[in-house]
C-alpha atoms as a PDB file:
ATOM      1  CA  MET A   1      44.585  86.242  33.530  1.00  0.00           C
ATOM      2  CA  THR A   2      42.433  83.679  32.469  1.00  0.00           C
ATOM      3  CA  THR A   3      41.642  80.198  34.141  1.00  0.00           C
ATOM      4  CA  PRO A   4      42.565  77.688  32.151  1.00  0.00           C
ATOM      5  CA  PRO A   5      39.910  74.620  31.135  1.00  0.00           C
ATOM      6  CA  THR A   6      39.117  72.357  34.094  1.00  0.00           C
ATOM      7  CA  THR A   7      38.615  69.653  31.173  1.00  0.00           C
ATOM      8  CA  PRO A   8      40.764  68.438  28.421  1.00  0.00           C
ATOM      9  CA  PRO A   9      39.062  69.281  24.972  1.00  0.00           C
ATOM     10  CA  ALA A  10      38.151  66.745  23.466  1.00  0.00           C
ATOM     11  CA  ARG A  11      39.747  64.519  20.976  1.00  0.00           C
ATOM     12  CA  PRO A  12      38.903  65.647  17.426  1.00  0.00           C
ATOM     13  CA  LYS A  13      36.799  62.682  15.432  1.00  0.00           C
ATOM     14  CA  ILE A  14      38.326  61.791  11.922  1.00  0.00           C
ATOM     15  CA  PRO A  15      36.076  60.559   9.148  1.00  0.00           C
ATOM     16  CA  ARG A  16      36.538  56.541   9.040  1.00  0.00           C
ATOM     17  CA  PRO A  17      38.062  55.508   5.884  1.00  0.00           C
ATOM     18  CA  THR A  18      36.191  55.420   2.492  1.00  0.00           C
ATOM     19  CA  GLY A  19      34.831  51.757   2.091  1.00  0.00           C
ATOM     20  CA  ALA A  20      36.039  50.245   4.844  1.00  0.00           C
ATOM     21  CA  LEU A  21      34.029  47.541   6.992  1.00  0.00           C
ATOM     22  CA  LEU A  22      34.083  46.554  10.355  1.00  0.00           C
ATOM     23  CA  THR A  23      33.612  42.816  12.002  1.00  0.00           C
ATOM     24  CA  LYS A  24      33.383  41.345  15.008  1.00  0.00           C
ATOM     25  CA  SER A  25      32.148  38.676  16.308  1.00  0.00           C
ATOM     26  CA  ALA A  26      28.414  37.869  17.781  1.00  0.00           C
ATOM     27  CA  GLY A  27      29.972  36.745  20.851  1.00  0.00           C
ATOM     28  CA  GLY A  28      30.720  33.851  22.911  1.00  0.00           C
ATOM     29  CA  GLY A  29      32.916  30.423  22.364  1.00  0.00           C
ATOM     30  CA  ARG A  30      35.945  32.088  20.633  1.00  0.00           C
ATOM     31  CA  GLY A  31      38.322  31.510  23.109  1.00  0.00           C
ATOM     32  CA  GLY A  32      38.088  34.793  23.995  1.00  0.00           C
ATOM     33  CA  ASN A  33      39.017  36.764  21.277  1.00  0.00           C
ATOM     34  CA  ASP A  34      35.388  38.087  21.183  1.00  0.00           C
ATOM     35  CA  ALA A  35      36.274  41.841  21.803  1.00  0.00           C
ATOM     36  CA  LYS A  36      38.513  41.952  19.013  1.00  0.00           C
ATOM     37  CA  ILE A  37      37.119  44.110  15.636  1.00  0.00           C
ATOM     38  CA  PHE A  38      38.826  43.695  12.660  1.00  0.00           C
ATOM     39  CA  VAL A  39      38.683  46.316   9.713  1.00  0.00           C
ATOM     40  CA  ALA A  40      38.856  45.741   5.857  1.00  0.00           C
ATOM     41  CA  PHE A  41      39.925  48.604   4.042  1.00  0.00           C
ATOM     42  CA  ALA A  42      39.276  48.637   0.432  1.00  0.00           C
ATOM     43  CA  ASN A  43      42.315  48.522  -0.936  1.00  0.00           C
ATOM     44  CA  GLY A  44      42.112  44.628   0.444  1.00  0.00           C
ATOM     45  CA  THR A  45      43.833  44.701   4.130  1.00  0.00           C
ATOM     46  CA  VAL A  46      42.384  43.059   6.644  1.00  0.00           C
ATOM     47  CA  ARG A  47      43.897  43.680  10.120  1.00  0.00           C
ATOM     48  CA  GLN A  48      42.524  44.792  13.893  1.00  0.00           C
ATOM     49  CA  LEU A  49      41.031  47.876  14.525  1.00  0.00           C
ATOM     50  CA  THR A  50      43.304  49.485  16.878  1.00  0.00           C
ATOM     51  CA  ASN A  51      41.945  51.474  20.302  1.00  0.00           C
ATOM     52  CA  ALA A  52      43.067  54.502  19.107  1.00  0.00           C
ATOM     53  CA  GLU A  53      41.157  54.075  15.268  1.00  0.00           C
ATOM     54  CA  PHE A  54      37.881  52.917  17.582  1.00  0.00           C
ATOM     55  CA  ALA A  55      38.434  56.487  19.804  1.00  0.00           C
ATOM     56  CA  CYS A  56      39.071  58.947  16.839  1.00  0.00           C
ATOM     57  CA  TRP A  57      36.961  57.154  13.958  1.00  0.00           C
ATOM     58  CA  ASP A  58      34.137  59.496  13.441  1.00  0.00           C
ATOM     59  CA  ASP A  59      31.587  55.939  12.870  1.00  0.00           C
ATOM     60  CA  VAL A  60      32.464  52.862  14.481  1.00  0.00           C
ATOM     61  CA  THR A  61      29.555  50.980  13.478  1.00  0.00           C
ATOM     62  CA  ILE A  62      29.822  47.244  13.124  1.00  0.00           C
ATOM     63  CA  ASP A  63      28.996  46.393   9.655  1.00  0.00           C
ATOM     64  CA  TYR A  64      28.974  42.775  10.041  1.00  0.00           C
ATOM     65  CA  TYR A  65      28.988  40.450  12.674  1.00  0.00           C
ATOM     66  CA  ILE A  66      30.141  36.601  12.252  1.00  0.00           C
ATOM     67  CA  PRO A  67      26.965  34.308  13.542  1.00  0.00           C
ATOM     68  CA  VAL A  68      28.988  31.884  16.141  1.00  0.00           C
ATOM     69  CA  GLY A  69      28.726  28.167  15.464  1.00  0.00           C
ATOM     70  CA  ALA A  70      31.370  25.671  14.417  1.00  0.00           C
ATOM     71  CA  GLN A  71      29.604  26.407  10.132  1.00  0.00           C
ATOM     72  CA  TYR A  72      31.073  30.345  11.088  1.00  0.00           C
ATOM     73  CA  ASP A  73      34.348  29.253  12.888  1.00  0.00           C
ATOM     74  CA  GLU A  74      36.133  29.714   9.638  1.00  0.00           C
ATOM     75  CA  GLN A  75      35.245  32.917   8.576  1.00  0.00           C
ATOM     76  CA  TRP A  76      36.599  33.877  12.278  1.00  0.00           C
ATOM     77  CA  ASN A  77      40.014  32.047  12.108  1.00  0.00           C
ATOM     78  CA  ASN A  78      40.740  33.445   8.309  1.00  0.00           C
ATOM     79  CA  LEU A  79      40.457  37.258  10.049  1.00  0.00           C
ATOM     80  CA  VAL A  80      42.760  35.881  13.125  1.00  0.00           C
ATOM     81  CA  ALA A  81      45.460  34.756  10.653  1.00  0.00           C
ATOM     82  CA  LEU A  82      45.351  37.172   8.435  1.00  0.00           C
ATOM     83  CA  ASP A  83      45.973  40.042  11.105  1.00  0.00           C
ATOM     84  CA  SER A  84      48.495  37.590  12.825  1.00  0.00           C
ATOM     85  CA  ALA A  85      50.247  37.342   9.493  1.00  0.00           C
ATOM     86  CA  LEU A  86      50.432  41.025   8.996  1.00  0.00           C
ATOM     87  CA  LYS A  87      51.836  41.431  12.898  1.00  0.00           C
ATOM     88  CA  ALA A  88      54.724  39.448  11.848  1.00  0.00           C
ATOM     89  CA  SER A  89      56.021  40.598   8.655  1.00  0.00           C
END
């Protein structure tokens, strides 16, 4: 009789989609939304990265950090608005 493993097997890693770019706030001053990571896919879709994707993708390196400051808030607000529109549809 075999003994079952004491730890579950590691979650399989899947390749990050080709052309997917990850964007995150550089931190601070965005009303608690700093932890959000957005993904822009090669087909133009932009949305918030899910926890499952973050856990399973083999490469979750952030490609672009949006700097903090009033002059950069529009970049961040545009990502949040796109994500909100997708969730509403």
